[in-house]
């Protein structure tokens, strides 16, 4: 399977690239900075230089040609302001989805955020509120694309703790934390589970092994 990952140098993406390459998949990661290429190669992925904030649909679609699946794992990241939540977390996600559809890539995963479907409380930090609104708008745009077999994954608070391989995965999980290791493991498993197509799933740490949790979510 060939998989193209947007945000290829992100902390979830690099973990996912290692997992996918380790199981024998062909992986490419889109990056903005050429200097990040060695990190992707070390993870077993092909670095592809493409800035989703300035690229056009045809350019991104060309990078997706021949892929079996696409994963949007990009984000403006800590320290970015309201404007980049809009250009990366919303607009880049929508661009990547449009490009995947144009390239004929059906399987499409999105790394979103818990709370993206509801209006943030009035006391929410303005930048974080903008992030949640951008994620919610991007998710809605992906859901509207009838040519994509999409799954939207909404992790809880992300940590860099070692993964346990034990999670809770459901339409509603309640709020809690989850290691990025386990998010990557769930994404890898979701790629192989057609029963999760058309589903928006929340993810936190739990007591169920990843493979079992994905299988259970597919049968709900």
C-alpha atoms as a PDB file:
ATOM      1  CA  UNK A   1       0.000   0.000   0.000  1.00  0.00           C
ATOM      2  CA  UNK A   2       1.228   3.515  -0.831  1.00  0.00           C
ATOM      3  CA  UNK A   3       0.229   6.139   1.708  1.00  0.00           C
ATOM      4  CA  UNK A   4       0.811   9.900   1.474  1.00  0.00           C
ATOM      5  CA  UNK A   5       0.854  11.865   4.725  1.00  0.00           C
ATOM      6  CA  UNK A   6       0.337  15.631   4.921  1.00  0.00           C
ATOM      7  CA  UNK A   7       2.373  17.188   7.693  1.00  0.00           C
ATOM      8  CA  UNK A   8       5.000  14.518   7.236  1.00  0.00           C
ATOM      9  CA  UNK A   9       7.390  15.923   9.845  1.00  0.00           C
ATOM     10  CA  UNK A  10       4.786  16.198  12.603  1.00  0.00           C
ATOM     11  CA  UNK A  11       5.161  14.266  15.842  1.00  0.00           C
ATOM     12  CA  UNK A  12       2.273  11.931  15.013  1.00  0.00           C
ATOM     13  CA  UNK A  13       3.246  11.654  11.347  1.00  0.00           C
ATOM     14  CA  UNK A  14       6.833  10.553  12.022  1.00  0.00           C
ATOM     15  CA  UNK A  15       5.568   7.849  14.369  1.00  0.00           C
ATOM     16  CA  UNK A  16       3.021   6.716  11.779  1.00  0.00           C
ATOM     17  CA  UNK A  17       5.654   6.659   9.040  1.00  0.00           C
ATOM     18  CA  UNK A  18       7.844   4.343  11.120  1.00  0.00           C
ATOM     19  CA  UNK A  19       4.929   1.992  11.753  1.00  0.00           C
ATOM     20  CA  UNK A  20       3.819   1.874   8.138  1.00  0.00           C
ATOM     21  CA  UNK A  21       7.321   1.472   6.726  1.00  0.00           C
ATOM     22  CA  UNK A  22       8.007  -1.230   9.304  1.00  0.00           C
ATOM     23  CA  UNK A  23       5.076  -3.283   8.085  1.00  0.00           C
ATOM     24  CA  UNK A  24       6.149  -2.934   4.469  1.00  0.00           C
ATOM     25  CA  UNK A  25       4.030  -0.048   3.173  1.00  0.00           C
ATOM     26  CA  UNK A  26       5.394   2.597   0.813  1.00  0.00           C
ATOM     27  CA  UNK A  27       5.122   5.948   2.585  1.00  0.00           C
ATOM     28  CA  UNK A  28       5.581   9.536   1.431  1.00  0.00           C
ATOM     29  CA  UNK A  29       5.379  12.605   3.654  1.00  0.00           C
ATOM     30  CA  UNK A  30       4.685  16.144   2.500  1.00  0.00           C
ATOM     31  CA  UNK A  31       6.992  18.683   4.134  1.00  0.00           C
ATOM     32  CA  UNK A  32       7.549  22.442   3.812  1.00  0.00           C
ATOM     33  CA  UNK A  33      11.208  22.455   4.787  1.00  0.00           C
ATOM     34  CA  UNK A  34      13.787  20.558   2.757  1.00  0.00           C
ATOM     35  CA  UNK A  35      15.934  20.239   5.878  1.00  0.00           C
ATOM     36  CA  UNK A  36      13.373  17.880   7.402  1.00  0.00           C
ATOM     37  CA  UNK A  37      13.961  15.274   4.706  1.00  0.00           C
ATOM     38  CA  UNK A  38      16.556  13.256   6.609  1.00  0.00           C
ATOM     39  CA  UNK A  39      14.159  12.737   9.514  1.00  0.00           C
ATOM     40  CA  UNK A  40      11.574  11.281   7.143  1.00  0.00           C
ATOM     41  CA  UNK A  41      14.116   9.038   5.462  1.00  0.00           C
ATOM     42  CA  UNK A  42      15.196   7.781   8.872  1.00  0.00           C
ATOM     43  CA  UNK A  43      11.542   6.965   9.572  1.00  0.00           C
ATOM     44  CA  UNK A  44      11.348   5.010   6.316  1.00  0.00           C
ATOM     45  CA  UNK A  45       9.361   7.603   4.347  1.00  0.00           C
ATOM     46  CA  UNK A  46      10.000   9.450   1.106  1.00  0.00           C
ATOM     47  CA  UNK A  47      10.143  13.233   1.717  1.00  0.00           C
ATOM     48  CA  UNK A  48       8.079  15.282  -0.748  1.00  0.00           C
ATOM     49  CA  UNK A  49       8.527  19.046  -0.748  1.00  0.00           C
ATOM     50  CA  UNK A  50       5.084  20.666  -0.850  1.00  0.00           C
ATOM     51  CA  UNK A  51       3.810  23.673   1.106  1.00  0.00           C
ATOM     52  CA  UNK A  52       0.068  23.203   1.526  1.00  0.00           C
ATOM     53  CA  UNK A  53      -0.357  26.872   2.418  1.00  0.00           C
ATOM     54  CA  UNK A  54       0.762  27.972  -1.043  1.00  0.00           C
ATOM     55  CA  UNK A  55       0.217  24.918  -3.268  1.00  0.00           C
ATOM     56  CA  UNK A  56      -2.647  24.587  -5.723  1.00  0.00           C
ATOM     57  CA  UNK A  57      -4.891  21.553  -6.028  1.00  0.00           C
ATOM     58  CA  UNK A  58      -3.251  20.198  -9.180  1.00  0.00           C
ATOM     59  CA  UNK A  59       0.196  20.266  -7.567  1.00  0.00           C
ATOM     60  CA  UNK A  60      -0.952  18.345  -4.513  1.00  0.00           C
ATOM     61  CA  UNK A  61      -2.972  15.904  -6.628  1.00  0.00           C
ATOM     62  CA  UNK A  62       0.184  15.104  -8.609  1.00  0.00           C
ATOM     63  CA  UNK A  63       1.910  14.031  -5.378  1.00  0.00           C
ATOM     64  CA  UNK A  64      -1.082  11.814  -4.571  1.00  0.00           C
ATOM     65  CA  UNK A  65      -1.193   9.999  -7.909  1.00  0.00           C
ATOM     66  CA  UNK A  66      -0.964   6.242  -7.423  1.00  0.00           C
ATOM     67  CA  UNK A  67      -1.553   6.392  -3.674  1.00  0.00           C
ATOM     68  CA  UNK A  68      -3.910   3.957  -1.973  1.00  0.00           C
ATOM     69  CA  UNK A  69      -4.580   6.217   1.004  1.00  0.00           C
ATOM     70  CA  UNK A  70      -3.947   9.725   2.299  1.00  0.00           C
ATOM     71  CA  UNK A  71      -3.609  10.951   5.875  1.00  0.00           C
ATOM     72  CA  UNK A  72      -3.985  14.585   6.900  1.00  0.00           C
ATOM     73  CA  UNK A  73      -1.783  14.989   9.980  1.00  0.00           C
ATOM     74  CA  UNK A  74      -0.686  18.588   9.433  1.00  0.00           C
ATOM     75  CA  UNK A  75      -1.215  21.399  11.894  1.00  0.00           C
ATOM     76  CA  UNK A  76      -0.088  24.961  12.450  1.00  0.00           C
ATOM     77  CA  UNK A  77       1.439  23.841  15.728  1.00  0.00           C
ATOM     78  CA  UNK A  78       2.183  25.524  19.063  1.00  0.00           C
ATOM     79  CA  UNK A  79       3.086  29.181  18.916  1.00  0.00           C
ATOM     80  CA  UNK A  80       1.133  29.858  15.727  1.00  0.00           C
ATOM     81  CA  UNK A  81      -1.580  32.503  15.690  1.00  0.00           C
ATOM     82  CA  UNK A  82      -5.189  32.614  14.623  1.00  0.00           C
ATOM     83  CA  UNK A  83      -4.355  33.225  10.954  1.00  0.00           C
ATOM     84  CA  UNK A  84      -2.392  29.989  10.567  1.00  0.00           C
ATOM     85  CA  UNK A  85      -5.109  27.944  12.237  1.00  0.00           C
ATOM     86  CA  UNK A  86      -7.206  29.028   9.294  1.00  0.00           C
ATOM     87  CA  UNK A  87      -4.579  28.504   6.574  1.00  0.00           C
ATOM     88  CA  UNK A  88      -3.271  25.153   7.855  1.00  0.00           C
ATOM     89  CA  UNK A  89      -5.832  23.466  10.072  1.00  0.00           C
ATOM     90  CA  UNK A  90      -8.752  24.378   7.827  1.00  0.00           C
ATOM     91  CA  UNK A  91      -7.668  25.445   4.340  1.00  0.00           C
ATOM     92  CA  UNK A  92      -4.794  22.964   3.948  1.00  0.00           C
ATOM     93  CA  UNK A  93      -7.011  20.095   5.095  1.00  0.00           C
ATOM     94  CA  UNK A  94      -9.672  21.062   2.577  1.00  0.00           C
ATOM     95  CA  UNK A  95      -7.054  21.397  -0.175  1.00  0.00           C
ATOM     96  CA  UNK A  96      -5.595  17.972   0.634  1.00  0.00           C
ATOM     97  CA  UNK A  97      -9.052  16.383   0.547  1.00  0.00           C
ATOM     98  CA  UNK A  98      -9.875  18.019  -2.794  1.00  0.00           C
ATOM     99  CA  UNK A  99      -6.534  16.881  -4.214  1.00  0.00           C
ATOM    100  CA  UNK A 100      -7.071  13.321  -2.991  1.00  0.00           C
ATOM    101  CA  UNK A 101     -10.468  13.226  -4.641  1.00  0.00           C
ATOM    102  CA  UNK A 102      -9.008  14.586  -7.893  1.00  0.00           C
ATOM    103  CA  UNK A 103      -6.192  11.994  -7.796  1.00  0.00           C
ATOM    104  CA  UNK A 104      -8.661   9.156  -7.256  1.00  0.00           C
ATOM    105  CA  UNK A 105      -7.437   8.350  -3.737  1.00  0.00           C
ATOM    106  CA  UNK A 106     -10.466   7.077  -1.846  1.00  0.00           C
ATOM    107  CA  UNK A 107      -9.181   6.143   1.643  1.00  0.00           C
ATOM    108  CA  UNK A 108      -8.690   9.350   3.598  1.00  0.00           C
ATOM    109  CA  UNK A 109      -7.878   9.781   7.284  1.00  0.00           C
ATOM    110  CA  UNK A 110      -7.920  13.049   9.212  1.00  0.00           C
ATOM    111  CA  UNK A 111      -6.248  13.768  12.538  1.00  0.00           C
ATOM    112  CA  UNK A 112      -8.668  16.246  14.073  1.00  0.00           C
ATOM    113  CA  UNK A 113      -9.311  17.328  17.656  1.00  0.00           C
ATOM    114  CA  UNK A 114     -11.764  16.470  20.380  1.00  0.00           C
ATOM    115  CA  UNK A 115     -14.291  19.286  20.737  1.00  0.00           C
ATOM    116  CA  UNK A 116     -14.121  20.367  17.100  1.00  0.00           C
ATOM    117  CA  UNK A 117     -17.883  19.983  16.562  1.00  0.00           C
ATOM    118  CA  UNK A 118     -19.037  22.416  19.233  1.00  0.00           C
ATOM    119  CA  UNK A 119     -18.610  26.145  19.748  1.00  0.00           C
ATOM    120  CA  UNK A 120     -15.803  26.750  22.258  1.00  0.00           C
ATOM    121  CA  UNK A 121     -16.866  28.199  25.635  1.00  0.00           C
ATOM    122  CA  UNK A 122     -16.551  32.010  25.912  1.00  0.00           C
ATOM    123  CA  UNK A 123     -13.531  31.772  28.217  1.00  0.00           C
ATOM    124  CA  UNK A 124     -11.523  29.617  25.775  1.00  0.00           C
ATOM    125  CA  UNK A 125      -8.140  31.011  24.726  1.00  0.00           C
ATOM    126  CA  UNK A 126      -8.794  32.825  21.394  1.00  0.00           C
ATOM    127  CA  UNK A 127      -6.068  30.955  19.504  1.00  0.00           C
ATOM    128  CA  UNK A 128      -7.268  27.584  20.749  1.00  0.00           C
ATOM    129  CA  UNK A 129     -10.850  28.538  19.928  1.00  0.00           C
ATOM    130  CA  UNK A 130      -9.747  29.404  16.386  1.00  0.00           C
ATOM    131  CA  UNK A 131      -8.004  26.023  16.192  1.00  0.00           C
ATOM    132  CA  UNK A 132     -11.153  24.148  17.207  1.00  0.00           C
ATOM    133  CA  UNK A 133     -13.314  26.096  14.757  1.00  0.00           C
ATOM    134  CA  UNK A 134     -10.812  25.458  11.948  1.00  0.00           C
ATOM    135  CA  UNK A 135     -10.733  21.734  12.709  1.00  0.00           C
ATOM    136  CA  UNK A 136     -14.515  21.586  12.808  1.00  0.00           C
ATOM    137  CA  UNK A 137     -14.847  23.373   9.472  1.00  0.00           C
ATOM    138  CA  UNK A 138     -12.233  21.111   7.870  1.00  0.00           C
ATOM    139  CA  UNK A 139     -13.966  17.989   9.181  1.00  0.00           C
ATOM    140  CA  UNK A 140     -17.290  19.186   7.759  1.00  0.00           C
ATOM    141  CA  UNK A 141     -15.678  19.797   4.366  1.00  0.00           C
ATOM    142  CA  UNK A 142     -14.172  16.304   4.333  1.00  0.00           C
ATOM    143  CA  UNK A 143     -17.498  14.719   5.288  1.00  0.00           C
ATOM    144  CA  UNK A 144     -19.120  16.471   2.332  1.00  0.00           C
ATOM    145  CA  UNK A 145     -16.771  14.849  -0.203  1.00  0.00           C
ATOM    146  CA  UNK A 146     -18.700  11.872  -1.508  1.00  0.00           C
ATOM    147  CA  UNK A 147     -15.732  10.408  -3.402  1.00  0.00           C
ATOM    148  CA  UNK A 148     -13.668   9.912  -0.236  1.00  0.00           C
ATOM    149  CA  UNK A 149     -13.829   6.935   2.113  1.00  0.00           C
ATOM    150  CA  UNK A 150     -13.036   9.111   5.094  1.00  0.00           C
ATOM    151  CA  UNK A 151     -12.471   8.482   8.777  1.00  0.00           C
ATOM    152  CA  UNK A 152     -11.949  11.372  11.186  1.00  0.00           C
ATOM    153  CA  UNK A 153      -9.938  10.645  14.331  1.00  0.00           C
ATOM    154  CA  UNK A 154     -10.250  13.042  17.272  1.00  0.00           C
ATOM    155  CA  UNK A 155      -7.640  12.345  19.943  1.00  0.00           C
ATOM    156  CA  UNK A 156      -7.775  13.769  23.428  1.00  0.00           C
ATOM    157  CA  UNK A 157      -4.891  15.722  24.947  1.00  0.00           C
ATOM    158  CA  UNK A 158      -1.714  14.548  23.241  1.00  0.00           C
ATOM    159  CA  UNK A 159       1.344  13.483  25.222  1.00  0.00           C
ATOM    160  CA  UNK A 160       4.811  12.203  24.398  1.00  0.00           C
ATOM    161  CA  UNK A 161       4.562   9.437  26.997  1.00  0.00           C
ATOM    162  CA  UNK A 162       5.451   5.971  25.696  1.00  0.00           C
ATOM    163  CA  UNK A 163       2.479   4.286  24.094  1.00  0.00           C
ATOM    164  CA  UNK A 164       0.746   1.497  25.965  1.00  0.00           C
ATOM    165  CA  UNK A 165      -1.135   0.017  23.021  1.00  0.00           C
ATOM    166  CA  UNK A 166      -4.294   0.243  25.136  1.00  0.00           C
ATOM    167  CA  UNK A 167      -6.980   2.746  24.138  1.00  0.00           C
ATOM    168  CA  UNK A 168     -10.616   3.753  24.212  1.00  0.00           C
ATOM    169  CA  UNK A 169     -11.974   4.441  20.714  1.00  0.00           C
ATOM    170  CA  UNK A 170     -15.619   5.421  20.214  1.00  0.00           C
ATOM    171  CA  UNK A 171     -17.887   8.159  18.914  1.00  0.00           C
ATOM    172  CA  UNK A 172     -17.802   9.645  22.424  1.00  0.00           C
ATOM    173  CA  UNK A 173     -15.093   8.760  24.928  1.00  0.00           C
ATOM    174  CA  UNK A 174     -15.040  11.623  27.405  1.00  0.00           C
ATOM    175  CA  UNK A 175     -11.990  13.828  27.766  1.00  0.00           C
ATOM    176  CA  UNK A 176      -8.595  12.428  28.710  1.00  0.00           C
ATOM    177  CA  UNK A 177      -5.050  12.156  27.389  1.00  0.00           C
ATOM    178  CA  UNK A 178      -3.484   9.794  24.863  1.00  0.00           C
ATOM    179  CA  UNK A 179       0.173   9.274  23.826  1.00  0.00           C
ATOM    180  CA  UNK A 180       1.080  10.161  20.265  1.00  0.00           C
ATOM    181  CA  UNK A 181       2.496   6.637  19.920  1.00  0.00           C
ATOM    182  CA  UNK A 182      -0.994   5.233  20.390  1.00  0.00           C
ATOM    183  CA  UNK A 183      -2.577   7.757  18.026  1.00  0.00           C
ATOM    184  CA  UNK A 184      -0.171   6.621  15.306  1.00  0.00           C
ATOM    185  CA  UNK A 185      -0.937   2.970  16.034  1.00  0.00           C
ATOM    186  CA  UNK A 186      -4.661   3.606  15.756  1.00  0.00           C
ATOM    187  CA  UNK A 187      -4.225   5.475  12.460  1.00  0.00           C
ATOM    188  CA  UNK A 188      -2.261   2.551  11.021  1.00  0.00           C
ATOM    189  CA  UNK A 189      -5.001   0.144  12.076  1.00  0.00           C
ATOM    190  CA  UNK A 190      -7.781   2.386  10.726  1.00  0.00           C
ATOM    191  CA  UNK A 191      -6.214   2.318   7.259  1.00  0.00           C
ATOM    192  CA  UNK A 192      -6.979  -1.397   7.106  1.00  0.00           C
ATOM    193  CA  UNK A 193     -10.491  -1.269   8.556  1.00  0.00           C
ATOM    194  CA  UNK A 194     -13.207  -0.374   6.022  1.00  0.00           C
ATOM    195  CA  UNK A 195     -15.837  -0.639   8.736  1.00  0.00           C
ATOM    196  CA  UNK A 196     -14.709   2.746  10.053  1.00  0.00           C
ATOM    197  CA  UNK A 197     -15.377   4.566   6.776  1.00  0.00           C
ATOM    198  CA  UNK A 198     -17.738   7.473   7.308  1.00  0.00           C
ATOM    199  CA  UNK A 199     -17.093   7.537  11.051  1.00  0.00           C
ATOM    200  CA  UNK A 200     -15.851  10.276  13.371  1.00  0.00           C
ATOM    201  CA  UNK A 201     -14.139   8.668  16.363  1.00  0.00           C
ATOM    202  CA  UNK A 202     -12.676  10.017  19.581  1.00  0.00           C
ATOM    203  CA  UNK A 203      -9.563   8.467  21.104  1.00  0.00           C
ATOM    204  CA  UNK A 204      -8.097   8.431  24.600  1.00  0.00           C
ATOM    205  CA  UNK A 205      -5.978   6.011  26.588  1.00  0.00           C
ATOM    206  CA  UNK A 206      -7.899   3.012  27.855  1.00  0.00           C
ATOM    207  CA  UNK A 207      -7.801  -0.720  28.456  1.00  0.00           C
ATOM    208  CA  UNK A 208      -8.448  -2.248  25.023  1.00  0.00           C
ATOM    209  CA  UNK A 209      -5.614  -3.246  22.643  1.00  0.00           C
ATOM    210  CA  UNK A 210      -5.508  -1.061  19.530  1.00  0.00           C
ATOM    211  CA  UNK A 211      -6.445  -3.796  17.043  1.00  0.00           C
ATOM    212  CA  UNK A 212      -9.423  -4.862  19.160  1.00  0.00           C
ATOM    213  CA  UNK A 213     -10.545  -1.280  19.716  1.00  0.00           C
ATOM    214  CA  UNK A 214     -10.522  -0.524  15.972  1.00  0.00           C
ATOM    215  CA  UNK A 215     -12.387  -3.740  15.191  1.00  0.00           C
ATOM    216  CA  UNK A 216     -14.983  -2.964  17.865  1.00  0.00           C
ATOM    217  CA  UNK A 217     -15.442   0.593  16.590  1.00  0.00           C
ATOM    218  CA  UNK A 218     -16.002  -0.750  13.086  1.00  0.00           C
ATOM    219  CA  UNK A 219     -18.788  -3.037  14.290  1.00  0.00           C
ATOM    220  CA  UNK A 220     -20.644  -0.457  16.413  1.00  0.00           C
END
